[in-house]
Structures are given as structure tokens and as C-alpha cells.
């Protein structure tokens, strides 16, 4: 009986060491510094909100049980859209469209926290057409979007289609997907969810 307990204890210890090593390696090589390269043609001057204090502050996605803070993010030194400073918040591209205005309002979120634990948009790929997305604004109003589609793009491709789509009052949610690239410390694709404002 004692031998069985020792074996179980030993196996448990080995499993814990392996788990720690896996998490440590992923964290060491993980770099959440790049979401999407920003198109050169895009205007980097913040838009003036159509309404006073219409800055987005919270995103709510009932189907995924998401109720997350929206940070304002800009551009990194490498010319990429910056990302949220943590893995529970999302980031709105402040040099782009304000949610509710004509064009594509971009909100990004991490798929994981660099330690293999789920980030705010870990289940974004589970959204389906017709799902509701709500944006709460600083003025206390809430606007409603309906998901209309999803598509994955190579990391640095199709950015014009994502940032510069002016076919409606759109919300585009972005997170990482695809294969992990150890040398680049990022994933090779970006999942983009498109939603349309409901009036």
C-alpha cells in the first residue's frame, strides 16, 4: 500500500513538473506585441466622436459571457496596432472609427494570457451569425451590433479590408488564431469577427 502511495506521489510530482515546464516555455516565448499591421494609408488622427463622450468603455457578448473593459490603444513602434495591457480587457483602436460611426471600429483581445490560460477572446471563434454584441459608451448609452460573419487572415495580410471597410457601421473583433510561430512569438493568423450596427 505504501509503495502504491509513493508511486502515485511520484507520478503526481512528475506531472506537476511537466506542466510547469510547459507553461514556463510558452510564457517565455510568448509575445503579445502584435495584432495587425496598420495600413500605411490609414489616418492616424483620432476621430472626433459623433456624440459627446461616445468613447467605448465596455463590450458585452452574452453568448460568450463576456463583459470586458475596453482600453484605448494606438500603434506600436513597429507600426502594428497595440494590444490591451492585460488579458481580461479588450483594446479599441483609438485612431480609427468610433463604434457606431460609419466604417470599421476595431476592437482586439488576447486569445490567451501567455501562460496557456484563456484570454478574453479565447472563445471568439464560437460566435455564430446573429449573435448579439453590445458596446457601452462613456455617456452611458449602449449600442447593439449583430454578428454577420467571421474570417481568418494571415497575420499581415488583408489589413486594408479590415481597417478600411466603410460598407456600413461595423464592429470588427480581432484575436489570434492558427499556428504558433516561436521565432516571431505570435500566431500566424488573425480571426476577424464582423458585426453590423442595429438602429
N, C-alpha and C. Protein backbone atom coordinates (compact mmCIF):
# COMPACT_ATOMS: atom_id res chain seq x y z
N UNK A 1 0.84 -1.21 0.00
CA UNK A 1 0.00 0.00 0.00
C UNK A 1 0.87 1.26 0.00
N UNK A 2 1.95 1.20 0.83
CA UNK A 2 2.85 2.34 0.90
C UNK A 2 3.54 2.57 -0.44
N UNK A 3 3.89 1.46 -1.11
CA UNK A 3 4.55 1.57 -2.42
C UNK A 3 3.63 2.22 -3.45
N UNK A 4 2.35 1.87 -3.40
CA UNK A 4 1.38 2.46 -4.33
C UNK A 4 1.26 3.96 -4.10
N UNK A 5 1.22 4.36 -2.82
CA UNK A 5 1.13 5.79 -2.49
C UNK A 5 2.37 6.54 -2.97
N UNK A 6 3.53 5.90 -2.83
CA UNK A 6 4.78 6.52 -3.28
C UNK A 6 4.79 6.70 -4.78
N UNK A 7 4.28 5.67 -5.48
CA UNK A 7 4.23 5.73 -6.95
C UNK A 7 3.28 6.85 -7.40
N UNK A 8 2.12 6.93 -6.76
CA UNK A 8 1.15 7.98 -7.11
C UNK A 8 1.73 9.35 -6.84
N UNK A 9 2.42 9.50 -5.69
CA UNK A 9 3.04 10.77 -5.34
C UNK A 9 4.12 11.15 -6.36
N UNK A 10 4.91 10.15 -6.75
CA UNK A 10 5.98 10.38 -7.73
C UNK A 10 5.41 10.81 -9.08
N UNK A 11 4.37 10.11 -9.53
CA UNK A 11 3.74 10.44 -10.82
C UNK A 11 3.11 11.83 -10.78
N UNK A 12 2.50 12.16 -9.64
CA UNK A 12 1.91 13.49 -9.48
C UNK A 12 2.98 14.58 -9.57
N UNK A 13 4.12 14.31 -8.91
CA UNK A 13 5.23 15.27 -8.94
C UNK A 13 5.76 15.45 -10.36
N UNK A 14 5.91 14.36 -11.09
CA UNK A 14 6.38 14.42 -12.48
C UNK A 14 5.41 15.23 -13.34
N UNK A 15 4.11 14.98 -13.16
CA UNK A 15 3.09 15.70 -13.94
C UNK A 15 3.15 17.19 -13.64
N UNK A 16 3.34 17.54 -12.36
CA UNK A 16 3.41 18.95 -11.98
C UNK A 16 4.63 19.62 -12.59
N UNK A 17 5.76 18.92 -12.60
CA UNK A 17 6.99 19.47 -13.20
C UNK A 17 6.81 19.68 -14.69
N UNK A 18 6.20 18.71 -15.37
CA UNK A 18 5.96 18.83 -16.81
C UNK A 18 5.02 19.99 -17.12
N UNK A 19 3.98 20.14 -16.30
CA UNK A 19 3.04 21.24 -16.50
C UNK A 19 3.74 22.58 -16.31
N UNK A 20 4.55 22.67 -15.26
CA UNK A 20 5.28 23.92 -15.01
C UNK A 20 6.21 24.23 -16.16
N UNK A 21 6.91 23.22 -16.65
CA UNK A 21 7.86 23.43 -17.74
C UNK A 21 7.15 23.90 -19.00
N UNK A 22 6.00 23.28 -19.31
CA UNK A 22 5.23 23.67 -20.49
C UNK A 22 4.75 25.11 -20.40
N UNK A 23 4.21 25.47 -19.24
CA UNK A 23 3.72 26.84 -19.03
C UNK A 23 4.86 27.85 -19.10
N UNK A 24 6.00 27.49 -18.47
CA UNK A 24 7.15 28.40 -18.46
C UNK A 24 7.68 28.65 -19.87
N UNK A 25 7.80 27.59 -20.66
CA UNK A 25 8.31 27.73 -22.02
C UNK A 25 7.38 28.59 -22.85
N UNK A 26 6.07 28.35 -22.74
CA UNK A 26 5.12 29.14 -23.53
C UNK A 26 5.17 30.61 -23.11
N UNK A 27 5.27 30.85 -21.81
CA UNK A 27 5.32 32.22 -21.32
C UNK A 27 6.59 32.92 -21.77
N UNK A 28 7.70 32.19 -21.74
CA UNK A 28 8.98 32.78 -22.10
C UNK A 28 9.02 33.20 -23.57
N UNK A 29 8.39 32.38 -24.40
CA UNK A 29 8.45 32.65 -25.84
C UNK A 29 7.24 33.42 -26.35
N UNK A 30 6.30 33.73 -25.46
CA UNK A 30 5.07 34.40 -25.90
C UNK A 30 5.27 35.90 -25.94
N UNK A 31 4.86 36.52 -27.00
CA UNK A 31 4.97 37.97 -27.12
C UNK A 31 3.68 38.54 -27.67
N UNK A 32 2.86 39.21 -26.85
CA UNK A 32 1.58 39.75 -27.31
C UNK A 32 1.71 41.13 -27.91
N UNK A 33 2.83 41.40 -28.59
CA UNK A 33 3.09 42.78 -29.03
C UNK A 33 2.45 43.14 -30.36
N UNK A 34 2.00 42.15 -31.11
CA UNK A 34 1.48 42.45 -32.44
C UNK A 34 0.13 41.81 -32.67
N UNK A 35 -0.84 42.60 -33.09
CA UNK A 35 -2.13 42.07 -33.52
C UNK A 35 -2.20 42.13 -35.04
N UNK A 36 -2.20 43.32 -35.58
CA UNK A 36 -2.27 43.51 -37.03
C UNK A 36 -1.42 44.70 -37.41
N UNK A 37 -0.76 44.60 -38.55
CA UNK A 37 -0.04 45.74 -39.07
C UNK A 37 -1.05 46.76 -39.57
N UNK A 38 -0.88 48.00 -39.19
CA UNK A 38 -1.82 49.05 -39.57
C UNK A 38 -1.48 49.51 -40.98
N UNK A 39 -2.48 49.61 -41.87
CA UNK A 39 -2.22 50.08 -43.24
C UNK A 39 -1.59 51.46 -43.24
N UNK A 40 -0.63 51.68 -44.12
CA UNK A 40 0.06 52.97 -44.20
C UNK A 40 -0.90 54.10 -44.56
N UNK A 41 -1.94 53.76 -45.32
CA UNK A 41 -2.85 54.80 -45.81
C UNK A 41 -3.86 55.26 -44.76
N UNK A 42 -3.93 54.53 -43.66
CA UNK A 42 -4.97 54.86 -42.68
C UNK A 42 -4.61 56.16 -41.94
N UNK A 43 -5.61 56.94 -41.66
CA UNK A 43 -5.42 58.20 -40.95
C UNK A 43 -5.15 57.91 -39.47
N UNK A 44 -4.03 58.40 -38.95
CA UNK A 44 -3.67 58.14 -37.56
C UNK A 44 -4.13 59.25 -36.62
N UNK A 45 -5.01 60.11 -37.11
CA UNK A 45 -5.58 61.17 -36.27
C UNK A 45 -6.87 60.67 -35.65
N UNK A 46 -6.98 60.69 -34.32
CA UNK A 46 -8.21 60.19 -33.68
C UNK A 46 -9.45 60.89 -34.22
N UNK A 47 -10.50 60.12 -34.51
CA UNK A 47 -11.75 60.71 -34.96
C UNK A 47 -12.45 61.39 -33.78
N UNK A 48 -13.14 62.46 -34.09
CA UNK A 48 -13.95 63.09 -33.06
C UNK A 48 -15.26 62.33 -32.93
N UNK A 49 -15.59 61.88 -31.72
CA UNK A 49 -16.85 61.15 -31.54
C UNK A 49 -18.05 61.96 -32.02
N UNK A 50 -19.01 61.27 -32.62
CA UNK A 50 -20.20 61.94 -33.12
C UNK A 50 -21.04 62.48 -31.96
N UNK A 51 -20.93 61.81 -30.82
CA UNK A 51 -21.67 62.24 -29.64
C UNK A 51 -20.67 62.56 -28.53
N UNK A 52 -21.05 63.44 -27.64
CA UNK A 52 -20.17 63.75 -26.51
C UNK A 52 -19.98 62.49 -25.67
N UNK A 53 -18.72 62.20 -25.35
CA UNK A 53 -18.39 61.04 -24.51
C UNK A 53 -18.91 59.72 -25.09
N UNK A 54 -18.83 59.55 -26.41
CA UNK A 54 -19.26 58.30 -27.01
C UNK A 54 -18.12 57.28 -27.11
N UNK A 55 -17.02 57.55 -26.40
CA UNK A 55 -15.91 56.61 -26.35
C UNK A 55 -16.39 55.28 -25.77
N UNK A 56 -16.04 54.15 -26.41
CA UNK A 56 -16.47 52.84 -25.89
C UNK A 56 -15.71 52.48 -24.61
N UNK A 57 -16.42 51.96 -23.62
CA UNK A 57 -15.75 51.60 -22.37
C UNK A 57 -15.97 50.13 -21.97
N UNK A 58 -17.02 49.50 -22.50
CA UNK A 58 -17.30 48.11 -22.14
C UNK A 58 -17.86 47.37 -23.35
N UNK A 59 -17.43 46.12 -23.52
CA UNK A 59 -18.02 45.26 -24.55
C UNK A 59 -18.70 44.08 -23.86
N UNK A 60 -19.92 43.80 -24.31
CA UNK A 60 -20.71 42.70 -23.74
C UNK A 60 -21.11 41.75 -24.86
N UNK A 61 -20.75 40.47 -24.71
CA UNK A 61 -21.14 39.44 -25.68
C UNK A 61 -21.82 38.32 -24.91
N UNK A 62 -23.14 38.37 -24.81
CA UNK A 62 -23.87 37.40 -23.97
C UNK A 62 -23.58 35.94 -24.30
N UNK A 63 -23.48 35.61 -25.58
CA UNK A 63 -23.28 34.21 -25.98
C UNK A 63 -21.98 33.63 -25.43
N UNK A 64 -20.98 34.49 -25.21
CA UNK A 64 -19.68 34.04 -24.71
C UNK A 64 -19.46 34.43 -23.25
N UNK A 65 -20.47 35.04 -22.63
CA UNK A 65 -20.40 35.51 -21.25
C UNK A 65 -19.23 36.48 -21.06
N UNK A 66 -19.06 37.34 -22.04
CA UNK A 66 -18.02 38.36 -21.97
C UNK A 66 -18.62 39.69 -21.53
N UNK A 67 -18.03 40.27 -20.53
CA UNK A 67 -18.36 41.62 -20.08
C UNK A 67 -17.02 42.25 -19.71
N UNK A 68 -16.40 42.90 -20.68
CA UNK A 68 -15.00 43.30 -20.52
C UNK A 68 -14.78 44.80 -20.72
N UNK A 69 -13.80 45.29 -20.03
CA UNK A 69 -13.38 46.69 -20.18
C UNK A 69 -12.75 46.88 -21.56
N UNK A 70 -12.98 48.07 -22.14
CA UNK A 70 -12.34 48.43 -23.41
C UNK A 70 -11.29 49.51 -23.13
N UNK A 71 -10.03 49.17 -23.37
CA UNK A 71 -8.96 50.16 -23.28
C UNK A 71 -8.82 50.88 -24.62
N UNK A 72 -8.23 52.06 -24.60
CA UNK A 72 -7.87 52.76 -25.84
C UNK A 72 -6.43 52.40 -26.19
N UNK A 73 -6.21 51.89 -27.41
CA UNK A 73 -4.86 51.50 -27.82
C UNK A 73 -4.49 52.21 -29.12
N UNK A 74 -3.20 52.36 -29.35
CA UNK A 74 -2.72 53.06 -30.53
C UNK A 74 -1.87 52.19 -31.43
N UNK A 75 -0.68 52.69 -31.77
CA UNK A 75 0.22 51.99 -32.69
C UNK A 75 1.56 51.77 -32.00
N UNK A 76 2.14 50.57 -32.17
CA UNK A 76 3.44 50.27 -31.59
C UNK A 76 4.55 50.88 -32.44
N UNK A 77 5.78 50.83 -31.93
CA UNK A 77 6.94 51.36 -32.66
C UNK A 77 7.17 50.61 -33.97
N UNK A 78 6.67 49.39 -34.04
CA UNK A 78 6.83 48.57 -35.25
C UNK A 78 5.71 48.81 -36.25
N UNK A 79 4.81 49.73 -35.94
CA UNK A 79 3.73 50.04 -36.87
C UNK A 79 2.54 49.13 -36.79
N UNK A 80 2.44 48.38 -35.70
CA UNK A 80 1.31 47.47 -35.52
C UNK A 80 0.31 48.07 -34.54
N UNK A 81 -0.92 47.61 -34.65
CA UNK A 81 -1.92 48.02 -33.67
C UNK A 81 -1.50 47.50 -32.30
N UNK A 82 -1.49 48.37 -31.31
CA UNK A 82 -1.15 47.95 -29.95
C UNK A 82 -2.26 47.06 -29.40
N UNK A 83 -1.95 46.39 -28.31
CA UNK A 83 -2.90 45.45 -27.72
C UNK A 83 -3.17 45.85 -26.26
N UNK A 84 -4.21 45.29 -25.66
CA UNK A 84 -4.51 45.61 -24.26
C UNK A 84 -3.33 45.29 -23.34
N UNK A 85 -3.27 45.97 -22.22
CA UNK A 85 -2.16 45.76 -21.28
C UNK A 85 -2.33 44.53 -20.41
N UNK A 86 -3.50 43.89 -20.49
CA UNK A 86 -3.70 42.64 -19.75
C UNK A 86 -4.56 41.71 -20.61
N UNK A 87 -4.90 40.57 -20.07
CA UNK A 87 -5.56 39.54 -20.87
C UNK A 87 -7.05 39.40 -20.57
N UNK A 88 -7.57 40.30 -19.73
CA UNK A 88 -9.00 40.28 -19.44
C UNK A 88 -9.72 41.46 -20.10
N UNK A 89 -8.98 42.50 -20.47
CA UNK A 89 -9.55 43.66 -21.15
C UNK A 89 -9.43 43.52 -22.66
N UNK A 90 -10.16 44.34 -23.38
CA UNK A 90 -10.03 44.43 -24.82
C UNK A 90 -9.42 45.80 -25.16
N UNK A 91 -9.05 45.99 -26.43
CA UNK A 91 -8.45 47.25 -26.83
C UNK A 91 -9.10 47.81 -28.08
N UNK A 92 -9.59 49.04 -28.00
CA UNK A 92 -10.18 49.73 -29.16
C UNK A 92 -9.12 50.57 -29.83
N UNK A 93 -9.01 50.46 -31.15
CA UNK A 93 -8.04 51.22 -31.92
C UNK A 93 -8.48 52.68 -31.98
N UNK A 94 -7.87 53.51 -31.15
CA UNK A 94 -8.34 54.88 -30.94
C UNK A 94 -8.11 55.80 -32.13
N UNK A 95 -7.26 55.41 -33.07
CA UNK A 95 -7.02 56.23 -34.26
C UNK A 95 -7.98 55.88 -35.39
N UNK A 96 -8.88 54.95 -35.12
CA UNK A 96 -9.83 54.53 -36.13
C UNK A 96 -11.23 55.02 -35.85
N UNK A 97 -12.17 54.25 -36.27
CA UNK A 97 -13.59 54.60 -36.17
C UNK A 97 -14.12 54.36 -34.76
N UNK A 98 -14.94 55.27 -34.30
CA UNK A 98 -15.63 55.10 -33.02
C UNK A 98 -16.82 54.16 -33.26
N UNK A 99 -17.00 53.13 -32.42
CA UNK A 99 -18.14 52.22 -32.61
C UNK A 99 -19.46 52.97 -32.74
N UNK A 100 -20.19 52.65 -33.79
CA UNK A 100 -21.45 53.31 -34.07
C UNK A 100 -21.37 54.26 -35.24
N UNK A 101 -20.15 54.70 -35.58
CA UNK A 101 -19.97 55.57 -36.74
C UNK A 101 -19.77 54.73 -38.00
N UNK A 102 -19.86 55.39 -39.15
CA UNK A 102 -19.65 54.72 -40.43
C UNK A 102 -18.21 54.24 -40.53
N UNK A 103 -18.03 53.00 -40.95
CA UNK A 103 -16.70 52.44 -41.10
C UNK A 103 -16.47 51.31 -40.12
N UNK A 104 -15.21 50.89 -40.00
CA UNK A 104 -14.87 49.73 -39.17
C UNK A 104 -14.24 50.16 -37.85
N UNK A 105 -14.96 49.94 -36.76
CA UNK A 105 -14.42 50.14 -35.42
C UNK A 105 -13.72 48.84 -35.03
N UNK A 106 -12.43 48.95 -34.65
CA UNK A 106 -11.62 47.76 -34.39
C UNK A 106 -11.42 47.57 -32.89
N UNK A 107 -11.75 46.36 -32.41
CA UNK A 107 -11.51 46.01 -31.01
C UNK A 107 -10.78 44.66 -30.98
N UNK A 108 -9.62 44.64 -30.33
CA UNK A 108 -8.80 43.43 -30.26
C UNK A 108 -8.77 42.89 -28.84
N UNK A 109 -8.53 41.59 -28.72
CA UNK A 109 -8.39 40.95 -27.41
C UNK A 109 -7.51 39.73 -27.52
N UNK A 110 -6.84 39.38 -26.44
CA UNK A 110 -5.93 38.23 -26.45
C UNK A 110 -6.71 36.91 -26.44
N UNK A 111 -6.15 35.92 -27.12
CA UNK A 111 -6.75 34.59 -27.12
C UNK A 111 -6.32 33.82 -25.87
N UNK A 112 -5.12 34.12 -25.35
CA UNK A 112 -4.69 33.53 -24.09
C UNK A 112 -3.78 34.51 -23.37
N UNK A 113 -3.35 34.12 -22.18
CA UNK A 113 -2.59 35.06 -21.34
C UNK A 113 -1.09 34.83 -21.38
N UNK A 114 -0.62 34.02 -22.33
CA UNK A 114 0.80 33.73 -22.41
C UNK A 114 1.22 32.60 -21.50
N UNK A 115 0.31 32.13 -20.65
CA UNK A 115 0.58 31.01 -19.76
C UNK A 115 -0.37 29.86 -20.05
N UNK A 116 -0.88 29.84 -21.29
CA UNK A 116 -1.80 28.80 -21.75
C UNK A 116 -3.17 28.90 -21.10
N UNK A 117 -3.45 29.97 -20.39
CA UNK A 117 -4.78 30.18 -19.81
C UNK A 117 -5.57 31.08 -20.74
N UNK A 118 -6.90 30.88 -20.82
CA UNK A 118 -7.70 31.62 -21.80
C UNK A 118 -7.75 33.12 -21.56
N UNK A 119 -7.64 33.87 -22.66
CA UNK A 119 -7.79 35.32 -22.62
C UNK A 119 -9.23 35.70 -22.88
N UNK A 120 -9.50 36.99 -22.94
CA UNK A 120 -10.86 37.49 -23.08
C UNK A 120 -11.54 37.00 -24.34
N UNK A 121 -10.78 36.83 -25.43
CA UNK A 121 -11.37 36.38 -26.70
C UNK A 121 -11.02 34.93 -27.02
N UNK A 122 -10.80 34.13 -25.99
CA UNK A 122 -10.44 32.73 -26.19
C UNK A 122 -11.51 31.95 -26.97
N UNK A 123 -12.77 32.33 -26.77
CA UNK A 123 -13.87 31.60 -27.42
C UNK A 123 -14.52 32.40 -28.54
N UNK A 124 -13.81 33.39 -29.06
CA UNK A 124 -14.39 34.24 -30.10
C UNK A 124 -14.80 33.42 -31.32
N UNK A 125 -14.08 32.34 -31.59
CA UNK A 125 -14.40 31.50 -32.74
C UNK A 125 -15.72 30.74 -32.58
N UNK A 126 -16.31 30.81 -31.39
CA UNK A 126 -17.58 30.13 -31.16
C UNK A 126 -18.79 31.01 -31.44
N UNK A 127 -18.55 32.29 -31.73
CA UNK A 127 -19.67 33.16 -32.09
C UNK A 127 -20.31 32.69 -33.39
N UNK A 128 -21.60 32.86 -33.50
CA UNK A 128 -22.31 32.47 -34.72
C UNK A 128 -23.09 33.66 -35.26
N UNK A 129 -23.39 33.60 -36.54
CA UNK A 129 -24.12 34.68 -37.19
C UNK A 129 -25.46 34.93 -36.47
N UNK A 130 -25.72 36.18 -36.17
CA UNK A 130 -26.93 36.55 -35.45
C UNK A 130 -26.71 36.80 -33.97
N UNK A 131 -25.53 36.45 -33.45
CA UNK A 131 -25.25 36.70 -32.04
C UNK A 131 -25.15 38.20 -31.75
N UNK A 132 -25.54 38.57 -30.54
CA UNK A 132 -25.56 39.98 -30.13
C UNK A 132 -24.22 40.42 -29.55
N UNK A 133 -23.85 41.65 -29.87
CA UNK A 133 -22.68 42.28 -29.26
C UNK A 133 -23.09 43.70 -28.86
N UNK A 134 -22.81 44.06 -27.62
CA UNK A 134 -23.20 45.38 -27.13
C UNK A 134 -21.95 46.17 -26.74
N UNK A 135 -21.97 47.45 -27.07
CA UNK A 135 -20.91 48.36 -26.67
C UNK A 135 -21.51 49.44 -25.77
N UNK A 136 -20.99 49.54 -24.56
CA UNK A 136 -21.42 50.59 -23.62
C UNK A 136 -20.46 51.76 -23.78
N UNK A 137 -21.02 52.96 -23.92
CA UNK A 137 -20.21 54.14 -24.15
C UNK A 137 -20.10 54.99 -22.88
N UNK A 138 -19.14 55.89 -22.91
CA UNK A 138 -18.85 56.71 -21.73
C UNK A 138 -20.04 57.57 -21.33
N UNK A 139 -20.89 57.91 -22.31
CA UNK A 139 -22.06 58.74 -21.99
C UNK A 139 -23.20 57.94 -21.38
N UNK A 140 -22.98 56.63 -21.18
CA UNK A 140 -23.99 55.79 -20.54
C UNK A 140 -24.90 55.07 -21.51
N UNK A 141 -24.82 55.39 -22.80
CA UNK A 141 -25.66 54.73 -23.79
C UNK A 141 -25.04 53.40 -24.22
N UNK A 142 -25.89 52.53 -24.73
CA UNK A 142 -25.45 51.21 -25.21
C UNK A 142 -25.89 51.06 -26.66
N UNK A 143 -24.98 50.63 -27.51
CA UNK A 143 -25.33 50.36 -28.91
C UNK A 143 -25.22 48.86 -29.17
N UNK A 144 -26.03 48.42 -30.13
CA UNK A 144 -26.22 46.99 -30.37
C UNK A 144 -25.72 46.62 -31.76
N UNK A 145 -24.89 45.57 -31.81
CA UNK A 145 -24.42 45.02 -33.08
C UNK A 145 -24.86 43.57 -33.20
N UNK A 146 -25.01 43.12 -34.44
CA UNK A 146 -25.31 41.71 -34.72
C UNK A 146 -24.17 41.14 -35.56
N UNK A 147 -23.65 39.99 -35.14
CA UNK A 147 -22.58 39.35 -35.91
C UNK A 147 -23.10 38.92 -37.27
N UNK A 148 -22.31 39.25 -38.30
CA UNK A 148 -22.70 38.89 -39.67
C UNK A 148 -21.70 37.96 -40.35
N UNK A 149 -20.53 37.77 -39.76
CA UNK A 149 -19.57 36.88 -40.40
C UNK A 149 -18.25 36.81 -39.67
N UNK A 150 -17.44 35.83 -40.05
CA UNK A 150 -16.10 35.69 -39.49
C UNK A 150 -15.16 35.18 -40.57
N UNK A 151 -13.90 35.57 -40.45
CA UNK A 151 -12.91 35.14 -41.41
C UNK A 151 -11.53 35.21 -40.79
N UNK A 152 -10.66 34.27 -41.17
CA UNK A 152 -9.29 34.29 -40.70
C UNK A 152 -8.37 34.80 -41.81
N UNK A 153 -7.41 35.61 -41.40
CA UNK A 153 -6.45 36.19 -42.35
C UNK A 153 -5.03 35.88 -41.88
N UNK A 154 -4.11 35.78 -42.83
CA UNK A 154 -2.71 35.69 -42.48
C UNK A 154 -2.34 36.95 -41.69
N UNK A 155 -1.41 36.82 -40.78
CA UNK A 155 -1.10 37.86 -39.80
C UNK A 155 -0.97 39.26 -40.38
N UNK A 156 -0.27 39.40 -41.48
CA UNK A 156 0.00 40.74 -42.03
C UNK A 156 -0.72 41.00 -43.35
N UNK A 157 -1.78 40.25 -43.62
CA UNK A 157 -2.48 40.44 -44.88
C UNK A 157 -3.88 41.00 -44.65
N UNK A 158 -4.46 41.54 -45.72
CA UNK A 158 -5.86 41.99 -45.73
C UNK A 158 -6.15 43.09 -44.72
N UNK A 159 -5.11 43.82 -44.28
CA UNK A 159 -5.36 44.86 -43.28
C UNK A 159 -6.23 45.99 -43.82
N UNK A 160 -6.10 46.28 -45.11
CA UNK A 160 -6.96 47.31 -45.70
C UNK A 160 -8.43 46.90 -45.62
N UNK A 161 -8.69 45.62 -45.89
CA UNK A 161 -10.07 45.12 -45.84
C UNK A 161 -10.62 45.20 -44.42
N UNK A 162 -9.75 45.04 -43.44
CA UNK A 162 -10.18 45.04 -42.05
C UNK A 162 -10.37 46.46 -41.53
N UNK A 163 -9.37 47.30 -41.70
CA UNK A 163 -9.40 48.65 -41.14
C UNK A 163 -10.23 49.63 -41.95
N UNK A 164 -10.24 49.45 -43.25
CA UNK A 164 -10.82 50.47 -44.13
C UNK A 164 -12.14 50.08 -44.78
N UNK A 165 -12.83 49.12 -44.23
CA UNK A 165 -14.14 48.71 -44.74
C UNK A 165 -15.17 49.75 -44.32
N UNK A 166 -15.72 50.47 -45.28
CA UNK A 166 -16.70 51.53 -44.98
C UNK A 166 -18.10 51.18 -45.50
N UNK A 167 -18.35 49.89 -45.62
CA UNK A 167 -19.63 49.45 -46.20
C UNK A 167 -20.80 49.60 -45.23
N UNK A 168 -20.52 50.00 -44.01
CA UNK A 168 -21.59 50.19 -43.03
C UNK A 168 -21.01 50.65 -41.71
N UNK A 169 -21.85 50.71 -40.69
CA UNK A 169 -21.37 51.00 -39.34
C UNK A 169 -21.00 49.66 -38.72
N UNK A 170 -19.73 49.33 -38.80
CA UNK A 170 -19.26 47.98 -38.50
C UNK A 170 -18.44 47.94 -37.21
N UNK A 171 -18.47 46.78 -36.59
CA UNK A 171 -17.60 46.46 -35.46
C UNK A 171 -16.80 45.24 -35.87
N UNK A 172 -15.47 45.31 -35.72
CA UNK A 172 -14.62 44.17 -36.06
C UNK A 172 -13.81 43.77 -34.84
N UNK A 173 -14.03 42.54 -34.41
CA UNK A 173 -13.33 41.98 -33.24
C UNK A 173 -12.20 41.10 -33.74
N UNK A 174 -11.02 41.27 -33.15
CA UNK A 174 -9.83 40.57 -33.64
C UNK A 174 -9.14 39.83 -32.51
N UNK A 175 -8.69 38.61 -32.82
CA UNK A 175 -7.84 37.86 -31.90
C UNK A 175 -6.93 36.95 -32.69
N UNK A 176 -5.96 36.36 -32.01
CA UNK A 176 -5.02 35.45 -32.69
C UNK A 176 -5.65 34.09 -32.92
N UNK A 177 -5.20 33.43 -33.98
CA UNK A 177 -5.62 32.06 -34.26
C UNK A 177 -4.54 31.41 -35.13
N UNK A 178 -4.74 30.15 -35.45
CA UNK A 178 -3.78 29.47 -36.31
C UNK A 178 -2.63 28.85 -35.55
N UNK A 179 -1.49 28.79 -36.20
CA UNK A 179 -0.30 28.10 -35.68
C UNK A 179 0.62 29.06 -34.92
N UNK A 180 1.15 28.59 -33.81
CA UNK A 180 2.10 29.39 -33.04
C UNK A 180 3.45 29.44 -33.76
N UNK A 181 4.02 30.64 -33.90
CA UNK A 181 5.31 30.83 -34.55
C UNK A 181 6.35 31.20 -33.48
N UNK A 182 7.14 30.25 -33.02
CA UNK A 182 8.07 30.51 -31.91
C UNK A 182 9.05 31.64 -32.19
N UNK A 183 9.59 31.71 -33.39
CA UNK A 183 10.59 32.73 -33.70
C UNK A 183 9.98 34.13 -33.72
N UNK A 184 8.73 34.25 -34.18
CA UNK A 184 8.07 35.55 -34.23
C UNK A 184 7.28 35.84 -32.96
N UNK A 185 7.14 34.82 -32.13
CA UNK A 185 6.44 34.95 -30.85
C UNK A 185 5.00 35.42 -31.03
N UNK A 186 4.34 34.85 -32.00
CA UNK A 186 2.94 35.19 -32.24
C UNK A 186 2.30 34.07 -33.06
N UNK A 187 0.99 34.15 -33.29
CA UNK A 187 0.31 33.19 -34.15
C UNK A 187 0.34 33.68 -35.60
N UNK A 188 0.15 32.76 -36.53
CA UNK A 188 0.30 33.13 -37.95
C UNK A 188 -0.98 33.68 -38.57
N UNK A 189 -2.10 33.66 -37.83
CA UNK A 189 -3.35 34.16 -38.40
C UNK A 189 -4.09 35.04 -37.38
N UNK A 190 -5.03 35.81 -37.91
CA UNK A 190 -5.91 36.61 -37.07
C UNK A 190 -7.36 36.29 -37.42
N UNK A 191 -8.15 36.00 -36.41
CA UNK A 191 -9.59 35.79 -36.59
C UNK A 191 -10.28 37.13 -36.49
N UNK A 192 -11.10 37.45 -37.48
CA UNK A 192 -11.82 38.73 -37.50
C UNK A 192 -13.32 38.45 -37.54
N UNK A 193 -14.01 38.91 -36.52
CA UNK A 193 -15.47 38.81 -36.45
C UNK A 193 -16.05 40.15 -36.89
N UNK A 194 -16.99 40.13 -37.81
CA UNK A 194 -17.64 41.35 -38.29
C UNK A 194 -19.07 41.40 -37.76
N UNK A 195 -19.45 42.57 -37.25
CA UNK A 195 -20.82 42.78 -36.77
C UNK A 195 -21.32 44.13 -37.28
N UNK A 196 -22.64 44.22 -37.45
CA UNK A 196 -23.26 45.42 -38.03
C UNK A 196 -24.15 46.09 -36.98
N UNK A 197 -24.07 47.42 -36.94
CA UNK A 197 -24.87 48.20 -36.00
C UNK A 197 -26.36 48.03 -36.29
N UNK A 198 -27.13 47.86 -35.23
CA UNK A 198 -28.59 47.78 -35.33
C UNK A 198 -29.18 49.13 -34.92
N UNK A 199 -30.00 49.68 -35.77
CA UNK A 199 -30.59 51.02 -35.48
C UNK A 199 -32.07 50.92 -35.18
